[in-house]
Amino acid sequence: MTDVIRFLLHADILYPVRQKLAAIEIHNPKLAHFLCKAIPAQCPFERDLIVFGYKLFHIPPMCKLNPLYEQVVSLRFKALCYLADECGEDVTAYC
């Protein structure tokens, strides 16, 4: 393999998107409220399949398979911190 091909195979194509998400700063209460409502506190895909009171199986959370999971969760945390620290709001409704 050439060095260029090896570099392309190991290059992170989502790096620019990750950097953009990590660089977002929250300075608007409306935006912070929107992010807290839009980004769930827990993985919405985790489920227990229960039939007639018996747990058949458990579907594990798959959010961590999302390549942007850490940045999205960090963005929600920034929004929560902004609302609590800067705006003095109670954020327990979002937890």
N, C-alpha and C. Protein backbone atom coordinates (compact mmCIF):
# COMPACT_ATOMS: atom_id res chain seq x y z
N MET A 1 0.83 -1.19 0.00
CA MET A 1 0.00 0.00 0.00
C MET A 1 0.87 1.24 0.00
N THR A 2 0.41 2.20 -0.72
CA THR A 2 1.14 3.46 -0.70
C THR A 2 0.78 4.24 0.56
N ASP A 3 1.59 5.21 0.87
CA ASP A 3 1.36 6.02 2.07
C ASP A 3 0.06 6.82 1.96
N VAL A 4 -0.27 7.27 0.77
CA VAL A 4 -1.49 8.06 0.58
C VAL A 4 -2.72 7.20 0.87
N ILE A 5 -2.75 6.01 0.36
CA ILE A 5 -3.88 5.11 0.59
C ILE A 5 -3.97 4.75 2.07
N ARG A 6 -2.86 4.47 2.68
CA ARG A 6 -2.83 4.15 4.10
C ARG A 6 -3.35 5.32 4.93
N PHE A 7 -2.94 6.55 4.56
CA PHE A 7 -3.42 7.74 5.27
C PHE A 7 -4.93 7.89 5.11
N LEU A 8 -5.43 7.69 3.89
CA LEU A 8 -6.87 7.84 3.65
C LEU A 8 -7.69 6.80 4.40
N LEU A 9 -7.16 5.61 4.55
CA LEU A 9 -7.88 4.57 5.27
C LEU A 9 -7.98 4.89 6.76
N HIS A 10 -7.00 5.56 7.29
CA HIS A 10 -6.98 5.87 8.71
C HIS A 10 -7.44 7.29 9.02
N ALA A 11 -7.70 8.09 8.00
CA ALA A 11 -8.14 9.46 8.22
C ALA A 11 -9.57 9.48 8.74
N ASP A 12 -9.85 10.38 9.62
CA ASP A 12 -11.17 10.53 10.19
C ASP A 12 -11.95 11.53 9.34
N ILE A 13 -12.88 11.04 8.53
CA ILE A 13 -13.60 11.92 7.63
C ILE A 13 -14.60 12.81 8.37
N LEU A 14 -14.97 12.45 9.59
CA LEU A 14 -15.89 13.26 10.37
C LEU A 14 -15.18 14.27 11.27
N TYR A 15 -13.88 14.33 11.19
CA TYR A 15 -13.12 15.25 12.05
C TYR A 15 -13.58 16.70 11.93
N PRO A 16 -13.80 17.23 10.72
CA PRO A 16 -14.26 18.62 10.62
C PRO A 16 -15.62 18.84 11.30
N VAL A 17 -16.51 17.88 11.18
CA VAL A 17 -17.83 18.00 11.81
C VAL A 17 -17.68 17.95 13.33
N ARG A 18 -16.84 17.06 13.81
CA ARG A 18 -16.59 16.99 15.24
C ARG A 18 -16.04 18.30 15.78
N GLN A 19 -15.11 18.89 15.04
CA GLN A 19 -14.51 20.16 15.46
C GLN A 19 -15.55 21.28 15.49
N LYS A 20 -16.42 21.32 14.49
CA LYS A 20 -17.48 22.35 14.45
C LYS A 20 -18.43 22.19 15.63
N LEU A 21 -18.84 20.96 15.92
CA LEU A 21 -19.74 20.73 17.05
C LEU A 21 -19.08 21.07 18.38
N ALA A 22 -17.82 20.75 18.51
CA ALA A 22 -17.10 21.03 19.75
C ALA A 22 -16.87 22.53 19.95
N ALA A 23 -16.82 23.28 18.86
CA ALA A 23 -16.54 24.71 18.95
C ALA A 23 -17.78 25.56 19.20
N ILE A 24 -18.96 24.96 19.12
CA ILE A 24 -20.19 25.73 19.33
C ILE A 24 -20.26 26.19 20.77
N GLU A 25 -20.51 27.46 20.94
CA GLU A 25 -20.70 28.03 22.26
C GLU A 25 -22.15 28.49 22.38
N ILE A 26 -22.71 28.33 23.55
CA ILE A 26 -24.11 28.66 23.77
C ILE A 26 -24.17 30.03 24.45
N HIS A 27 -24.86 30.98 23.80
CA HIS A 27 -25.04 32.32 24.36
C HIS A 27 -26.48 32.79 24.22
N ASN A 28 -27.39 31.89 23.89
CA ASN A 28 -28.77 32.25 23.65
C ASN A 28 -29.68 31.29 24.41
N PRO A 29 -30.54 31.79 25.30
CA PRO A 29 -31.41 30.89 26.06
C PRO A 29 -32.37 30.07 25.19
N LYS A 30 -32.85 30.66 24.11
CA LYS A 30 -33.77 29.91 23.22
C LYS A 30 -33.05 28.73 22.58
N LEU A 31 -31.83 28.96 22.14
CA LEU A 31 -31.04 27.88 21.55
C LEU A 31 -30.74 26.81 22.59
N ALA A 32 -30.40 27.24 23.80
CA ALA A 32 -30.10 26.28 24.87
C ALA A 32 -31.32 25.43 25.20
N HIS A 33 -32.49 26.05 25.29
CA HIS A 33 -33.72 25.28 25.55
C HIS A 33 -34.01 24.31 24.41
N PHE A 34 -33.81 24.76 23.17
CA PHE A 34 -34.04 23.89 22.02
C PHE A 34 -33.12 22.68 22.06
N LEU A 35 -31.84 22.90 22.34
CA LEU A 35 -30.89 21.78 22.38
C LEU A 35 -31.22 20.81 23.50
N CYS A 36 -31.62 21.33 24.65
CA CYS A 36 -31.96 20.45 25.77
C CYS A 36 -33.20 19.61 25.49
N LYS A 37 -34.13 20.17 24.72
CA LYS A 37 -35.33 19.42 24.35
C LYS A 37 -35.06 18.44 23.20
N ALA A 38 -34.22 18.84 22.26
CA ALA A 38 -33.98 18.03 21.06
C ALA A 38 -33.03 16.87 21.30
N ILE A 39 -32.08 17.03 22.20
CA ILE A 39 -31.09 15.99 22.46
C ILE A 39 -31.51 15.24 23.72
N PRO A 40 -31.84 13.96 23.61
CA PRO A 40 -32.33 13.22 24.78
C PRO A 40 -31.24 13.01 25.84
N ALA A 41 -31.69 12.93 27.10
CA ALA A 41 -30.76 12.70 28.21
C ALA A 41 -30.26 11.26 28.22
N GLN A 42 -31.09 10.35 27.75
CA GLN A 42 -30.72 8.93 27.68
C GLN A 42 -30.93 8.45 26.27
N CYS A 43 -30.29 7.37 25.94
CA CYS A 43 -30.43 6.79 24.61
C CYS A 43 -31.87 6.36 24.39
N PRO A 44 -32.54 6.89 23.37
CA PRO A 44 -33.95 6.54 23.16
C PRO A 44 -34.17 5.16 22.57
N PHE A 45 -33.12 4.47 22.19
CA PHE A 45 -33.27 3.17 21.55
C PHE A 45 -33.20 2.01 22.52
N GLU A 46 -32.80 2.25 23.74
CA GLU A 46 -32.70 1.18 24.71
C GLU A 46 -34.11 0.78 25.16
N ARG A 47 -34.43 -0.49 25.06
CA ARG A 47 -35.77 -0.96 25.39
C ARG A 47 -35.72 -2.37 25.99
N ASP A 48 -36.72 -2.66 26.79
CA ASP A 48 -36.99 -4.02 27.23
C ASP A 48 -38.27 -4.45 26.53
N LEU A 49 -38.23 -5.58 25.85
CA LEU A 49 -39.42 -6.09 25.19
C LEU A 49 -40.14 -7.00 26.17
N ILE A 50 -41.29 -6.53 26.63
CA ILE A 50 -42.06 -7.26 27.66
C ILE A 50 -43.40 -7.66 27.06
N VAL A 51 -43.72 -8.94 27.15
CA VAL A 51 -44.99 -9.47 26.67
C VAL A 51 -45.64 -10.24 27.80
N PHE A 52 -46.87 -9.86 28.15
CA PHE A 52 -47.62 -10.49 29.24
C PHE A 52 -46.83 -10.51 30.55
N GLY A 53 -46.11 -9.44 30.80
CA GLY A 53 -45.37 -9.32 32.04
C GLY A 53 -44.02 -10.04 32.06
N TYR A 54 -43.66 -10.69 30.98
CA TYR A 54 -42.37 -11.40 30.90
C TYR A 54 -41.42 -10.64 29.99
N LYS A 55 -40.23 -10.43 30.48
CA LYS A 55 -39.21 -9.76 29.68
C LYS A 55 -38.63 -10.76 28.70
N LEU A 56 -38.89 -10.54 27.40
CA LEU A 56 -38.38 -11.45 26.38
C LEU A 56 -36.91 -11.19 26.08
N PHE A 57 -36.56 -9.93 25.87
CA PHE A 57 -35.16 -9.58 25.65
C PHE A 57 -34.97 -8.09 25.83
N HIS A 58 -33.72 -7.71 25.90
CA HIS A 58 -33.32 -6.32 26.12
C HIS A 58 -32.58 -5.82 24.88
N ILE A 59 -33.02 -4.68 24.37
CA ILE A 59 -32.32 -4.04 23.26
C ILE A 59 -31.34 -3.05 23.88
N PRO A 60 -30.04 -3.26 23.72
CA PRO A 60 -29.05 -2.39 24.37
C PRO A 60 -29.00 -1.01 23.71
N PRO A 61 -28.50 -0.02 24.44
CA PRO A 61 -28.38 1.31 23.83
C PRO A 61 -27.33 1.29 22.72
N MET A 62 -27.70 1.83 21.59
CA MET A 62 -26.79 1.84 20.46
C MET A 62 -26.29 3.24 20.13
N CYS A 63 -26.58 4.20 20.99
CA CYS A 63 -26.17 5.57 20.71
C CYS A 63 -24.65 5.71 20.63
N LYS A 64 -23.94 4.91 21.39
CA LYS A 64 -22.48 5.03 21.37
C LYS A 64 -21.88 4.55 20.06
N LEU A 65 -22.68 3.92 19.22
CA LEU A 65 -22.21 3.56 17.89
C LEU A 65 -22.23 4.76 16.95
N ASN A 66 -22.96 5.80 17.34
CA ASN A 66 -23.00 7.03 16.57
C ASN A 66 -21.63 7.70 16.65
N PRO A 67 -21.01 7.99 15.51
CA PRO A 67 -19.66 8.56 15.55
C PRO A 67 -19.61 9.98 16.11
N LEU A 68 -20.75 10.65 16.22
CA LEU A 68 -20.78 12.01 16.75
C LEU A 68 -21.43 12.06 18.13
N TYR A 69 -21.59 10.92 18.77
CA TYR A 69 -22.29 10.83 20.05
C TYR A 69 -21.67 11.73 21.12
N GLU A 70 -20.37 11.66 21.28
CA GLU A 70 -19.69 12.44 22.33
C GLU A 70 -19.88 13.94 22.12
N GLN A 71 -19.81 14.40 20.88
CA GLN A 71 -19.94 15.82 20.61
C GLN A 71 -21.38 16.30 20.84
N VAL A 72 -22.35 15.49 20.47
CA VAL A 72 -23.76 15.86 20.66
C VAL A 72 -24.10 15.91 22.15
N VAL A 73 -23.64 14.93 22.91
CA VAL A 73 -23.88 14.92 24.35
C VAL A 73 -23.17 16.10 25.00
N SER A 74 -22.00 16.42 24.54
CA SER A 74 -21.26 17.57 25.06
C SER A 74 -22.01 18.87 24.76
N LEU A 75 -22.61 18.97 23.60
CA LEU A 75 -23.38 20.16 23.25
C LEU A 75 -24.59 20.32 24.16
N ARG A 76 -25.26 19.22 24.47
CA ARG A 76 -26.39 19.26 25.40
C ARG A 76 -25.91 19.69 26.79
N PHE A 77 -24.77 19.19 27.21
CA PHE A 77 -24.22 19.56 28.51
C PHE A 77 -23.89 21.05 28.56
N LYS A 78 -23.31 21.58 27.47
CA LYS A 78 -23.01 23.01 27.41
C LYS A 78 -24.30 23.83 27.55
N ALA A 79 -25.37 23.37 26.88
CA ALA A 79 -26.64 24.09 26.95
C ALA A 79 -27.20 24.05 28.37
N LEU A 80 -27.13 22.89 29.02
CA LEU A 80 -27.59 22.78 30.40
C LEU A 80 -26.78 23.68 31.33
N CYS A 81 -25.49 23.69 31.17
CA CYS A 81 -24.63 24.54 32.01
C CYS A 81 -24.92 26.01 31.78
N TYR A 82 -25.16 26.40 30.54
CA TYR A 82 -25.48 27.78 30.25
C TYR A 82 -26.78 28.19 30.95
N LEU A 83 -27.80 27.35 30.84
CA LEU A 83 -29.08 27.67 31.47
C LEU A 83 -28.95 27.75 32.98
N ALA A 84 -28.20 26.84 33.57
CA ALA A 84 -28.07 26.81 35.03
C ALA A 84 -27.16 27.91 35.54
N ASP A 85 -26.00 28.09 34.92
CA ASP A 85 -25.00 29.02 35.43
C ASP A 85 -25.24 30.46 35.01
N GLU A 86 -25.48 30.67 33.73
CA GLU A 86 -25.61 32.03 33.21
C GLU A 86 -27.02 32.60 33.39
N CYS A 87 -28.04 31.75 33.16
CA CYS A 87 -29.42 32.24 33.22
C CYS A 87 -30.05 32.01 34.59
N GLY A 88 -29.45 31.16 35.41
CA GLY A 88 -29.98 30.88 36.74
C GLY A 88 -31.27 30.09 36.73
N GLU A 89 -31.49 29.31 35.69
CA GLU A 89 -32.72 28.53 35.57
C GLU A 89 -32.56 27.16 36.22
N ASP A 90 -33.69 26.59 36.59
CA ASP A 90 -33.73 25.24 37.12
C ASP A 90 -33.77 24.27 35.95
N VAL A 91 -32.79 23.41 35.81
CA VAL A 91 -32.70 22.51 34.66
C VAL A 91 -33.12 21.08 35.01
N THR A 92 -33.73 20.88 36.17
CA THR A 92 -34.11 19.51 36.55
C THR A 92 -35.16 18.93 35.61
N ALA A 93 -35.90 19.77 34.91
CA ALA A 93 -36.89 19.27 33.94
C ALA A 93 -36.22 18.57 32.76
N TYR A 94 -34.97 18.89 32.50
CA TYR A 94 -34.26 18.30 31.37
C TYR A 94 -33.42 17.08 31.76
N CYS A 95 -33.40 16.74 33.02
CA CYS A 95 -32.57 15.62 33.47
C CYS A 95 -33.35 14.34 33.55
